[in-house]
Amino acid sequence: MVLLKDEPDIIKKLRNEEEKGLLKNDSTLIYEDTEEEKGDQSNIISQSFKKPQQDIDNIEKTKDNRIDFNKLINVLPDPVIIVDSKGKILDMNKKLTETLGYTYEEYIGKNVFKTDLASKKTKAILIKNLVKRMAGVKLKPYEIELTAKNKNKIPFEINATKIDYFGTTGDLIVFRETSEIKKREKESENILNAAADGIRIIDRNFKIKKVNETFAEMTGVSSDKQIGATCRDIFRSKYCKTKDCSLVKCLKNNKPYQREQIMTCKDGSKIPVLLKVTPLKDEQGNITGIIEDYRDISSVKKTEQKVVENEKKFRQFFENSPDYCYMVGLEGKIIDINKSAIEILNIKNKEEAIGKQIIPLVYNDEEKAKQLVKKWKKEGFLENEEIKIKSKDGIRTVLLSVDNVEDKNGKVLYSVLMQKDLTNLLKTEKELKNKVDELERYKKLTVGRELKMIELKNQMKELEQKCAEEKKIG
C-alpha cells in the first residue's frame, strides 16, 4: 500500500480500518463501527471536512491514490463531482447521487452540460466559471440551482478548484446545499420586514447590504435601488464622514449604542429618529458591518413640542393669575407659588414658601384644611370649597379648587391649588345688604307716612262734606 506524505488523520484512520477488514476494497466507502468507536465517527468526519476548502486541501493530498481518493470523497458530507476541462463527468460521490436521485452509472462519463441537471442559465454560469478555473483563475464560492430526478429545484453553493485527476486536468466541485440556509434567510427577511422600525445593514465599506420595507418607505427609495449604494447617499446625518459616523464609531468601540439625530433623505426631507446601532460579527468575532435600527420619532417630537408650548402657556397663566396659585407635592410641601400668593401672604419671596408644608403656612382653619385634603385624596379634585387663609393684613376668605397633574401612566406627580379671594366680595355683599336693609327701613317709614296723609285727607273730606250737609240743614 502506498503511503502519502503528510496524510490527513482521517486517511490514516481509513487505512487502519481497511487493514482491520472494516472497509471493503471497492469504489464505495462502507464504514462499519466497532463498539468502542460508535458515537465519535460522525464527529471526526464532520470536524475533518467542515469547510469546502479544507475538503479540497485534503483531497489534493490524496489524489495520487485512486482508492483513497474515492473513499475520501464518499466520506464528505457534501455532494462532490469531478469533471474534465470540457465538462465530462470523471467521478462523483455517493452524497451527490443521494441528493439528486440519480445513480452513479446514469451520469459517469457523460458531459454535465448535456444532462438535465441544470437549466440553460445555470449551464452558462458553470461553463463560464469552468473556463476561468482551467485558465488558473481562482473564483469565490457562488450559487446555482440543480434539478433533481424528481424535478425538484435544489439550491447549492459551489466551491471548486482545478486539480490533476490521475493525469487528467479536472475541476473538483463541492456542492453545499443551501435549502435550509435559504429558508432561514427567508424567515429572517420576513421578520425584518415585520419590524415597525426602519432597519438597514451596512458592510465595512459603507455599502448597503440589506434594508427592510419600513426603511424603504421611510427614505422614499425602493429596496433594490438601495442595495450596493453608499449609506450616506440614501440617508445621511451631520455625523456622516466624521469620527461619530455610525460605522466608524462601532468599529472603534466594538459595542452597541443609540442616540437621537436628524436624518436627511435623498429628496432633502428631514426626519427625527432614535438610532440604535449594533455591530455585525462573523463566526470569529470580527466586525463585518453594522445593523442600524431607525425609529421615526416625528410624532413624539411634535407631542413634546405641544407639551412645551402648553407648559409655557400654563406657566404664564400661573405666574400672572390674580388668584393665589400653588404647586404642591404629594407630601403636602409647596413646589412653587405665584406672585399673587406671595403678595397676600406674610412672606417676601418664593424661597420662603418652597419646601414648606402648605397647611400651617397658609390656612387659618387647619382642621378644615385637613378634612379637605382627605376629600381631595378620595375624589381626586376639589372645586369651590370655602375656607379661610392667613394674610399679612388679617384673615381672608377664599374659594379653593384643586386638580392633579399626572404622567402618561396616570400617576399623580403634583397638585395645582387655586384660591379665589372672596374677602372683598363678601365685604361688598355685606355693605350692599346693609344698604338694602336701610332702604327697607326708609321705605317702610315713607310708605307709612304716605298712608297716614291719605287717611287724614280722607278724614278732612268727610268732615267737609259733613259741614256742608249741616249748613244745608241749618
Protein backbone atom coordinates (compact mmCIF):
# COMPACT_ATOMS: atom_id res chain seq x y z
CA MET A 1 0.00 0.00 0.00
CA VAL A 2 1.32 3.44 -0.96
CA LEU A 3 1.63 5.88 1.93
CA LEU A 4 1.08 9.56 1.26
CA LYS A 5 3.29 12.24 2.67
CA ASP A 6 1.52 14.34 5.34
CA GLU A 7 -1.61 12.21 5.24
CA PRO A 8 -4.65 13.72 6.99
CA ASP A 9 -5.69 11.92 10.17
CA ILE A 10 -8.91 10.75 8.52
CA ILE A 11 -6.90 8.93 5.80
CA LYS A 12 -4.70 7.26 8.40
CA LYS A 13 -7.86 6.13 10.17
CA LEU A 14 -9.27 4.76 6.91
CA ARG A 15 -6.04 2.83 6.26
CA ASN A 16 -6.05 1.32 9.73
CA GLU A 17 -9.66 0.27 9.37
CA GLU A 18 -9.02 -1.23 5.94
CA GLU A 19 -6.18 -3.29 7.38
CA LYS A 20 -8.56 -4.49 10.11
CA GLY A 21 -11.07 -5.57 7.47
CA LEU A 22 -13.56 -2.89 8.43
CA LEU A 23 -13.51 -1.41 4.93
CA LYS A 24 -14.42 -3.21 1.71
CA ASN A 25 -11.97 -2.57 -1.08
CA ASP A 26 -14.30 -1.15 -3.71
CA SER A 27 -15.21 2.26 -5.03
CA THR A 28 -17.79 2.90 -2.31
CA LEU A 29 -16.86 3.54 1.31
CA ILE A 30 -18.68 1.27 3.74
CA TYR A 31 -17.94 2.24 7.29
CA GLU A 32 -18.76 -0.31 9.99
CA ASP A 33 -18.33 0.94 13.56
CA THR A 34 -16.69 -1.05 16.26
CA GLU A 35 -18.44 -0.75 19.61
CA GLU A 36 -15.76 1.50 21.09
CA GLU A 37 -15.86 3.82 18.07
CA LYS A 38 -19.62 4.31 17.94
CA GLY A 39 -20.56 7.88 18.65
CA ASP A 40 -17.28 9.52 17.61
CA GLN A 41 -17.19 8.67 13.88
CA SER A 42 -19.55 11.42 12.73
CA ASN A 43 -17.73 13.96 14.88
CA ILE A 44 -14.35 13.00 13.37
CA ILE A 45 -15.69 13.22 9.83
CA SER A 46 -17.54 16.50 10.34
CA GLN A 47 -14.52 18.09 12.01
CA SER A 48 -12.18 16.88 9.26
CA PHE A 49 -14.35 18.19 6.43
CA LYS A 50 -16.10 21.14 7.99
CA LYS A 51 -15.28 23.61 5.23
CA PRO A 52 -15.23 23.02 1.46
CA GLN A 53 -11.74 24.49 1.06
CA GLN A 54 -10.45 22.20 3.78
CA ASP A 55 -12.09 19.29 1.95
CA ILE A 56 -10.33 20.31 -1.25
CA ASP A 57 -6.97 20.55 0.51
CA ASN A 58 -7.40 17.06 1.95
CA ILE A 59 -8.39 15.66 -1.44
CA GLU A 60 -5.34 17.25 -3.07
CA LYS A 61 -3.11 15.39 -0.63
CA THR A 62 -4.66 12.06 -1.58
CA LYS A 63 -5.03 12.46 -5.35
CA ASP A 64 -2.16 10.04 -6.13
CA ASN A 65 -4.09 7.14 -4.74
CA ARG A 66 -7.35 6.45 -6.58
CA ILE A 67 -8.74 4.10 -3.95
CA ASP A 68 -8.09 6.51 -1.13
CA PHE A 69 -9.39 9.35 -3.27
CA ASN A 70 -12.67 7.56 -3.95
CA LYS A 71 -13.07 6.60 -0.32
CA LEU A 72 -12.34 10.12 0.77
CA ILE A 73 -14.88 11.89 -1.44
CA ASN A 74 -17.51 9.42 -0.26
CA VAL A 75 -16.79 10.35 3.33
CA LEU A 76 -17.51 14.01 2.59
CA PRO A 77 -20.84 15.30 3.93
CA ASP A 78 -21.41 17.43 0.81
CA PRO A 79 -22.04 16.31 -2.79
CA VAL A 80 -18.87 16.21 -4.94
CA ILE A 81 -18.40 15.90 -8.70
CA ILE A 82 -15.23 15.92 -10.82
CA VAL A 83 -15.33 16.95 -14.48
CA ASP A 84 -12.62 17.42 -17.08
CA SER A 85 -11.92 20.67 -18.90
CA LYS A 86 -14.81 20.00 -21.31
CA GLY A 87 -17.37 19.04 -18.69
CA LYS A 88 -17.12 15.24 -18.87
CA ILE A 89 -18.03 13.66 -15.53
CA LEU A 90 -14.99 11.77 -14.24
CA ASP A 91 -16.21 10.92 -10.77
CA MET A 92 -18.86 11.76 -8.18
CA ASN A 93 -19.55 10.77 -4.62
CA LYS A 94 -22.43 8.88 -3.09
CA LYS A 95 -23.83 12.02 -1.46
CA LEU A 96 -24.41 13.61 -4.88
CA THR A 97 -26.37 10.61 -6.14
CA GLU A 98 -28.43 10.52 -2.95
CA THR A 99 -29.18 14.24 -3.11
CA LEU A 100 -30.18 14.36 -6.78
CA GLY A 101 -31.71 10.88 -7.01
CA TYR A 102 -29.56 9.65 -9.92
CA THR A 103 -27.36 6.56 -9.88
CA TYR A 104 -23.60 6.65 -10.37
CA GLU A 105 -23.92 4.79 -13.66
CA GLU A 106 -26.53 7.21 -15.07
CA TYR A 107 -24.07 10.09 -15.25
CA ILE A 108 -20.50 8.85 -15.02
CA GLY A 109 -18.71 9.55 -18.31
CA LYS A 110 -21.40 11.92 -19.60
CA ASN A 111 -20.95 15.62 -20.29
CA VAL A 112 -22.53 17.53 -17.43
CA PHE A 113 -23.58 20.33 -19.77
CA LYS A 114 -25.68 17.91 -21.85
CA THR A 115 -27.60 16.49 -18.89
CA ASP A 116 -30.82 17.64 -17.25
CA LEU A 117 -29.03 18.59 -14.04
CA ALA A 118 -29.12 22.31 -14.75
CA SER A 119 -31.06 24.92 -16.68
CA LYS A 120 -29.56 26.75 -19.65
CA LYS A 121 -28.83 29.76 -17.47
CA THR A 122 -27.08 27.63 -14.84
CA LYS A 123 -25.11 25.73 -17.50
CA ALA A 124 -23.90 29.04 -18.92
CA ILE A 125 -22.63 30.04 -15.47
CA LEU A 126 -20.94 26.65 -14.96
CA ILE A 127 -19.24 26.76 -18.38
CA LYS A 128 -18.02 30.32 -17.85
CA ASN A 129 -16.54 29.54 -14.44
CA LEU A 130 -15.06 26.21 -15.60
CA VAL A 131 -13.17 28.02 -18.36
CA LYS A 132 -11.87 30.55 -15.85
CA ARG A 133 -10.66 27.88 -13.43
CA MET A 134 -8.99 25.91 -16.23
CA ALA A 135 -7.16 29.16 -17.04
CA GLY A 136 -5.93 29.33 -13.45
CA VAL A 137 -8.37 31.97 -12.18
CA LYS A 138 -9.44 31.49 -8.57
CA LEU A 139 -13.12 32.15 -8.02
CA LYS A 140 -15.10 32.85 -4.90
CA PRO A 141 -17.95 30.47 -3.99
CA TYR A 142 -21.10 31.17 -5.98
CA GLU A 143 -24.68 29.93 -6.01
CA ILE A 144 -26.52 27.83 -8.60
CA GLU A 145 -29.61 25.65 -8.75
CA LEU A 146 -29.65 21.99 -9.86
CA THR A 147 -32.61 19.84 -10.86
CA ALA A 148 -33.09 16.52 -9.07
CA LYS A 149 -34.51 13.43 -10.77
CA ASN A 150 -37.91 14.16 -9.19
CA LYS A 151 -37.78 17.64 -10.85
CA ASN A 152 -37.27 19.46 -7.55
CA LYS A 153 -35.02 22.51 -7.74
CA ILE A 154 -32.23 22.41 -5.16
CA PRO A 155 -30.06 25.48 -4.41
CA PHE A 156 -26.33 24.93 -3.88
CA GLU A 157 -23.26 26.98 -3.10
CA ILE A 158 -20.34 25.88 -5.27
CA ASN A 159 -16.74 25.83 -4.17
CA ALA A 160 -14.44 24.44 -6.88
CA THR A 161 -10.79 24.17 -7.80
CA LYS A 162 -8.65 22.92 -10.66
CA ILE A 163 -6.92 19.56 -9.94
CA ASP A 164 -4.85 16.87 -11.62
CA TYR A 165 -7.17 13.89 -11.58
CA PHE A 166 -4.77 10.99 -12.11
CA GLY A 167 -3.18 12.56 -15.18
CA THR A 168 -6.28 14.39 -16.42
CA THR A 169 -6.84 18.08 -15.80
CA GLY A 170 -10.08 18.26 -13.92
CA ASP A 171 -12.33 20.51 -11.90
CA LEU A 172 -13.29 19.32 -8.44
CA ILE A 173 -16.64 20.81 -7.43
CA VAL A 174 -18.07 20.66 -3.92
CA PHE A 175 -21.78 21.46 -3.62
CA ARG A 176 -23.11 22.77 -0.34
CA GLU A 177 -26.89 22.57 -0.24
CA THR A 178 -28.40 25.89 0.81
CA SER A 179 -32.11 24.99 1.08
CA GLU A 180 -32.13 25.38 4.85
CA ILE A 181 -29.99 28.49 4.61
CA LYS A 182 -32.42 29.98 2.08
CA LYS A 183 -35.32 29.04 4.32
CA ARG A 184 -33.71 30.73 7.31
CA GLU A 185 -32.86 33.76 5.19
CA LYS A 186 -36.49 34.00 4.08
CA GLU A 187 -37.67 33.72 7.67
CA SER A 188 -35.19 36.40 8.70
CA GLU A 189 -36.36 38.62 5.86
CA ASN A 190 -39.99 38.19 6.93
CA ILE A 191 -39.09 39.09 10.50
CA LEU A 192 -37.09 42.07 9.23
CA ASN A 193 -39.99 43.32 7.13
CA ALA A 194 -42.42 42.87 10.01
CA ALA A 195 -40.43 45.32 12.13
CA ALA A 196 -42.07 48.71 12.72
CA ASP A 197 -38.65 50.40 12.72
CA GLY A 198 -36.58 51.07 9.62
CA ILE A 199 -33.62 48.68 9.52
CA ARG A 200 -30.60 48.56 7.24
CA ILE A 201 -27.38 46.54 7.22
CA ILE A 202 -24.12 48.17 6.13
CA ASP A 203 -20.77 46.48 5.45
CA ARG A 204 -17.35 47.79 6.41
CA ASN A 205 -17.11 49.68 3.11
CA PHE A 206 -20.21 51.80 3.86
CA LYS A 207 -22.22 49.82 1.30
CA ILE A 208 -25.84 48.91 1.98
CA LYS A 209 -26.32 45.12 2.08
CA LYS A 210 -29.97 44.91 3.10
CA VAL A 211 -32.90 47.11 4.10
CA ASN A 212 -36.40 46.28 5.27
CA GLU A 213 -39.67 47.57 3.83
CA THR A 214 -40.13 50.13 6.61
CA PHE A 215 -36.74 51.67 5.88
CA ALA A 216 -37.57 51.84 2.16
CA GLU A 217 -40.83 53.65 2.97
CA MET A 218 -39.07 55.93 5.43
CA THR A 219 -36.46 57.03 2.89
CA GLY A 220 -38.70 57.02 -0.17
CA VAL A 221 -36.20 54.82 -2.06
CA SER A 222 -37.06 51.23 -3.07
CA SER A 223 -35.02 48.38 -1.58
CA ASP A 224 -33.50 47.26 -4.89
CA LYS A 225 -32.17 50.77 -5.56
CA GLN A 226 -30.54 50.91 -2.14
CA ILE A 227 -28.63 47.62 -2.20
CA GLY A 228 -24.99 48.34 -3.03
CA ALA A 229 -25.37 52.11 -2.64
CA THR A 230 -23.24 54.12 -0.21
CA CYS A 231 -25.19 54.57 3.02
CA ARG A 232 -24.88 58.37 3.22
CA ASP A 233 -26.24 58.78 -0.32
CA ILE A 234 -29.61 57.39 0.79
CA PHE A 235 -29.98 58.54 4.40
CA ARG A 236 -27.44 60.92 5.90
CA SER A 237 -26.89 62.91 9.07
CA LYS A 238 -24.46 65.52 10.33
CA TYR A 239 -22.29 62.66 11.63
CA CYS A 240 -21.51 61.26 8.17
CA LYS A 241 -17.81 61.47 7.23
CA THR A 242 -16.87 62.25 10.85
CA LYS A 243 -15.48 60.23 13.74
CA ASP A 244 -19.05 59.94 15.05
CA CYS A 245 -20.25 58.11 11.93
CA SER A 246 -22.26 55.03 12.99
CA LEU A 247 -19.88 52.56 11.34
CA VAL A 248 -16.68 54.34 12.39
CA LYS A 249 -17.86 54.60 15.99
CA CYS A 250 -18.93 50.95 16.11
CA LEU A 251 -15.65 49.72 14.60
CA LYS A 252 -13.74 51.72 17.20
CA ASN A 253 -15.77 50.85 20.31
CA ASN A 254 -16.97 47.37 19.30
CA LYS A 255 -20.26 47.75 21.17
CA PRO A 256 -23.88 48.82 20.53
CA TYR A 257 -25.06 52.37 21.19
CA GLN A 258 -28.01 54.66 20.48
CA ARG A 259 -28.69 58.35 20.02
CA GLU A 260 -31.26 60.79 18.64
CA GLN A 261 -30.41 62.53 15.39
CA ILE A 262 -31.93 64.23 12.38
CA MET A 263 -31.70 62.25 9.15
CA THR A 264 -31.86 63.79 5.68
CA CYS A 265 -33.50 61.75 2.93
CA LYS A 266 -32.35 61.71 -0.68
CA ASP A 267 -35.11 64.22 -1.57
CA GLY A 268 -33.91 66.61 1.14
CA SER A 269 -36.70 65.98 3.65
CA LYS A 270 -35.67 65.58 7.28
CA ILE A 271 -36.80 63.01 9.83
CA PRO A 272 -36.02 62.95 13.57
CA VAL A 273 -35.07 59.41 14.59
CA LEU A 274 -33.87 57.34 17.50
CA LEU A 275 -30.94 55.36 16.08
CA LYS A 276 -29.76 52.07 17.60
CA VAL A 277 -26.53 50.65 16.17
CA THR A 278 -25.37 47.05 16.69
CA PRO A 279 -22.09 45.52 15.42
CA LEU A 280 -22.49 42.67 12.93
CA LYS A 281 -19.87 39.96 13.52
CA ASP A 282 -18.70 36.78 11.79
CA GLU A 283 -18.04 33.42 13.46
CA GLN A 284 -14.59 34.58 14.57
CA GLY A 285 -16.00 37.69 16.25
CA ASN A 286 -14.71 40.11 13.62
CA ILE A 287 -16.95 43.07 12.80
CA THR A 288 -18.18 42.75 9.22
CA GLY A 289 -20.58 45.68 9.36
CA ILE A 290 -23.39 47.16 11.42
CA ILE A 291 -27.15 46.89 11.83
CA GLU A 292 -28.90 50.25 12.09
CA ASP A 293 -32.37 50.47 13.63
CA TYR A 294 -34.14 53.76 12.88
CA ARG A 295 -37.27 54.66 14.86
CA ASP A 296 -39.19 57.61 13.45
CA ILE A 297 -39.89 59.90 16.41
CA SER A 298 -41.59 62.71 14.46
CA SER A 299 -44.87 62.26 16.35
CA VAL A 300 -43.00 62.11 19.66
CA LYS A 301 -41.21 65.36 18.87
CA LYS A 302 -44.49 67.05 17.89
CA THR A 303 -46.06 65.90 21.14
CA GLU A 304 -43.05 67.13 23.10
CA GLN A 305 -43.32 70.50 21.34
CA LYS A 306 -47.00 70.76 22.24
CA VAL A 307 -46.19 69.88 25.83
CA VAL A 308 -43.54 72.62 25.90
CA GLU A 309 -45.96 75.14 24.41
CA ASN A 310 -48.75 74.16 26.81
CA GLU A 311 -46.37 74.28 29.73
CA LYS A 312 -45.29 77.76 28.66
CA LYS A 313 -48.91 78.91 28.47
CA PHE A 314 -49.69 77.35 31.84
CA ARG A 315 -46.62 78.97 33.35
CA GLN A 316 -47.71 82.38 32.06
CA PHE A 317 -51.20 81.84 33.46
CA PHE A 318 -49.83 80.53 36.76
CA GLU A 319 -47.48 83.45 37.30
CA ASN A 320 -49.86 86.22 36.19
CA SER A 321 -53.15 84.96 37.61
CA PRO A 322 -54.84 87.29 40.15
CA ASP A 323 -55.82 84.18 42.09
CA TYR A 324 -53.43 82.68 44.64
CA CYS A 325 -51.80 79.68 42.92
CA TYR A 326 -49.63 76.91 44.36
CA MET A 327 -47.98 73.72 43.11
CA VAL A 328 -47.97 71.20 45.93
CA GLY A 329 -46.24 67.81 46.10
CA LEU A 330 -47.90 64.61 47.28
CA GLU A 331 -46.40 65.06 50.73
CA GLY A 332 -48.07 68.48 51.08
CA LYS A 333 -44.98 70.63 50.52
CA ILE A 334 -45.05 73.72 48.30
CA ILE A 335 -43.18 73.25 45.00
CA ASP A 336 -44.00 76.65 43.53
CA ILE A 337 -46.09 79.73 44.30
CA ASN A 338 -47.21 82.67 42.15
CA LYS A 339 -46.80 86.42 42.67
CA SER A 340 -50.37 87.00 43.86
CA ALA A 341 -49.95 84.46 46.66
CA ILE A 342 -46.58 85.91 47.68
CA GLU A 343 -48.11 89.39 47.90
CA ILE A 344 -51.04 88.32 50.08
CA LEU A 345 -49.07 86.05 52.45
CA ASN A 346 -46.69 87.33 55.05
CA ILE A 347 -43.58 86.33 53.02
CA LYS A 348 -41.05 88.21 50.89
CA ASN A 349 -40.32 85.76 48.06
CA LYS A 350 -40.81 82.23 46.71
CA GLU A 351 -37.86 80.85 48.60
CA GLU A 352 -39.63 81.44 51.92
CA ALA A 353 -42.52 79.21 50.82
CA ILE A 354 -40.95 76.49 48.66
CA GLY A 355 -40.37 73.27 50.59
CA LYS A 356 -42.71 74.19 53.45
CA GLN A 357 -45.96 72.46 54.38
CA ILE A 358 -48.84 74.42 52.88
CA ILE A 359 -51.43 73.86 55.64
CA PRO A 360 -49.66 75.57 58.58
CA LEU A 361 -48.23 78.28 56.33
CA VAL A 362 -51.42 79.26 54.51
CA TYR A 363 -54.61 78.12 56.23
CA ASN A 364 -56.21 79.72 59.27
CA ASP A 365 -58.52 76.77 59.87
CA GLU A 366 -56.04 73.87 59.75
CA GLU A 367 -58.58 71.27 60.78
CA LYS A 368 -60.89 72.12 57.91
CA ALA A 369 -57.90 72.14 55.55
CA LYS A 370 -57.02 68.60 56.62
CA GLN A 371 -60.59 67.48 56.00
CA LEU A 372 -60.43 68.96 52.51
CA VAL A 373 -57.16 67.08 51.87
CA LYS A 374 -58.93 63.81 52.71
CA LYS A 375 -61.75 64.72 50.35
CA TRP A 376 -59.25 65.57 47.60
CA LYS A 377 -57.43 62.24 48.00
CA LYS A 378 -60.73 60.38 47.82
CA GLU A 379 -62.28 62.22 44.86
CA GLY A 380 -59.14 63.37 43.04
CA PHE A 381 -60.15 67.04 42.94
CA LEU A 382 -61.77 69.91 44.87
CA GLU A 383 -63.96 72.66 43.48
CA ASN A 384 -65.02 75.95 45.08
CA GLU A 385 -64.56 74.92 48.70
CA GLU A 386 -64.82 77.95 51.01
CA ILE A 387 -62.02 78.24 53.58
CA LYS A 388 -60.15 80.96 55.46
CA ILE A 389 -56.45 81.70 54.92
CA LYS A 390 -53.85 83.78 56.68
CA SER A 391 -52.62 87.02 55.14
CA LYS A 392 -50.39 89.89 56.11
CA ASP A 393 -53.47 92.09 56.66
CA GLY A 394 -55.59 89.54 58.52
CA ILE A 395 -57.85 86.61 57.78
CA ARG A 396 -59.21 86.27 54.25
CA THR A 397 -61.88 84.01 52.81
CA VAL A 398 -61.17 82.11 49.59
CA LEU A 399 -62.78 79.54 47.30
CA LEU A 400 -60.34 76.63 46.98
CA SER A 401 -60.09 74.44 43.85
CA VAL A 402 -57.54 71.61 43.43
CA ASP A 403 -56.61 69.48 40.40
CA ASN A 404 -53.88 66.91 39.80
CA VAL A 405 -51.05 66.80 37.25
CA GLU A 406 -50.37 63.22 36.09
CA ASP A 407 -47.73 61.47 33.99
CA LYS A 408 -48.57 59.46 30.85
CA ASN A 409 -49.33 56.40 33.01
CA GLY A 410 -51.84 58.25 35.17
CA LYS A 411 -49.58 58.58 38.18
CA VAL A 412 -50.12 61.81 40.14
CA LEU A 413 -47.00 63.99 40.09
CA TYR A 414 -48.25 67.03 41.99
CA SER A 415 -51.36 69.17 42.53
CA VAL A 416 -52.25 72.69 41.44
CA LEU A 417 -54.19 74.74 44.01
CA MET A 418 -56.09 77.92 43.12
CA GLN A 419 -57.61 80.23 45.73
CA LYS A 420 -60.11 82.85 44.59
CA ASP A 421 -60.24 85.62 47.19
CA LEU A 422 -63.82 86.30 48.37
CA THR A 423 -62.91 88.80 51.08
CA ASN A 424 -63.68 91.96 49.11
CA LEU A 425 -66.71 90.34 47.53
CA LEU A 426 -68.09 89.34 50.92
CA LYS A 427 -67.38 92.82 52.24
CA THR A 428 -69.21 94.34 49.30
CA GLU A 429 -72.09 91.93 49.77
CA LYS A 430 -72.31 92.91 53.43
CA GLU A 431 -72.28 96.60 52.58
CA LEU A 432 -74.92 96.02 49.96
CA LYS A 433 -77.06 94.14 52.44
CA ASN A 434 -76.79 96.99 54.92
CA LYS A 435 -77.88 99.42 52.23
CA VAL A 436 -80.79 97.21 51.33
CA ASP A 437 -81.83 96.99 54.98
CA GLU A 438 -81.59 100.74 55.30
CA LEU A 439 -83.68 101.23 52.20
CA GLU A 440 -86.22 98.81 53.50
CA ARG A 441 -86.50 100.76 56.74
CA TYR A 442 -86.78 104.05 54.88
CA LYS A 443 -89.29 102.61 52.52
CA LYS A 444 -91.32 101.28 55.37
CA LEU A 445 -91.17 104.67 57.06
CA THR A 446 -92.08 106.68 53.98
CA VAL A 447 -94.81 104.31 52.93
CA GLY A 448 -96.40 104.55 56.39
CA ARG A 449 -96.28 108.34 56.24
CA GLU A 450 -97.94 108.41 52.85
CA LEU A 451 -100.71 106.16 54.08
CA LYS A 452 -101.29 108.45 57.11
CA MET A 453 -101.51 111.51 54.86
CA ILE A 454 -104.05 109.76 52.67
CA GLU A 455 -106.03 108.80 55.73
CA LEU A 456 -106.01 112.40 57.04
CA LYS A 457 -107.04 113.72 53.66
CA ASN A 458 -109.94 111.31 53.57
CA GLN A 459 -110.96 112.34 57.07
CA MET A 460 -110.83 116.02 56.08
CA LYS A 461 -113.01 115.33 53.07
CA GLU A 462 -115.51 113.55 55.25
CA LEU A 463 -115.57 116.49 57.70
CA GLU A 464 -116.00 119.00 54.90
CA GLN A 465 -118.90 117.01 53.49
CA LYS A 466 -120.44 116.77 56.93
CA CYS A 467 -120.13 120.54 57.49
CA ALA A 468 -121.71 121.24 54.13
CA GLU A 469 -124.61 118.98 54.90
CA GLU A 470 -125.11 120.61 58.29
CA LYS A 471 -125.17 124.08 56.70
CA LYS A 472 -127.91 122.98 54.35
CA ILE A 473 -129.97 121.65 57.20
CA GLY A 474 -129.38 124.76 59.29
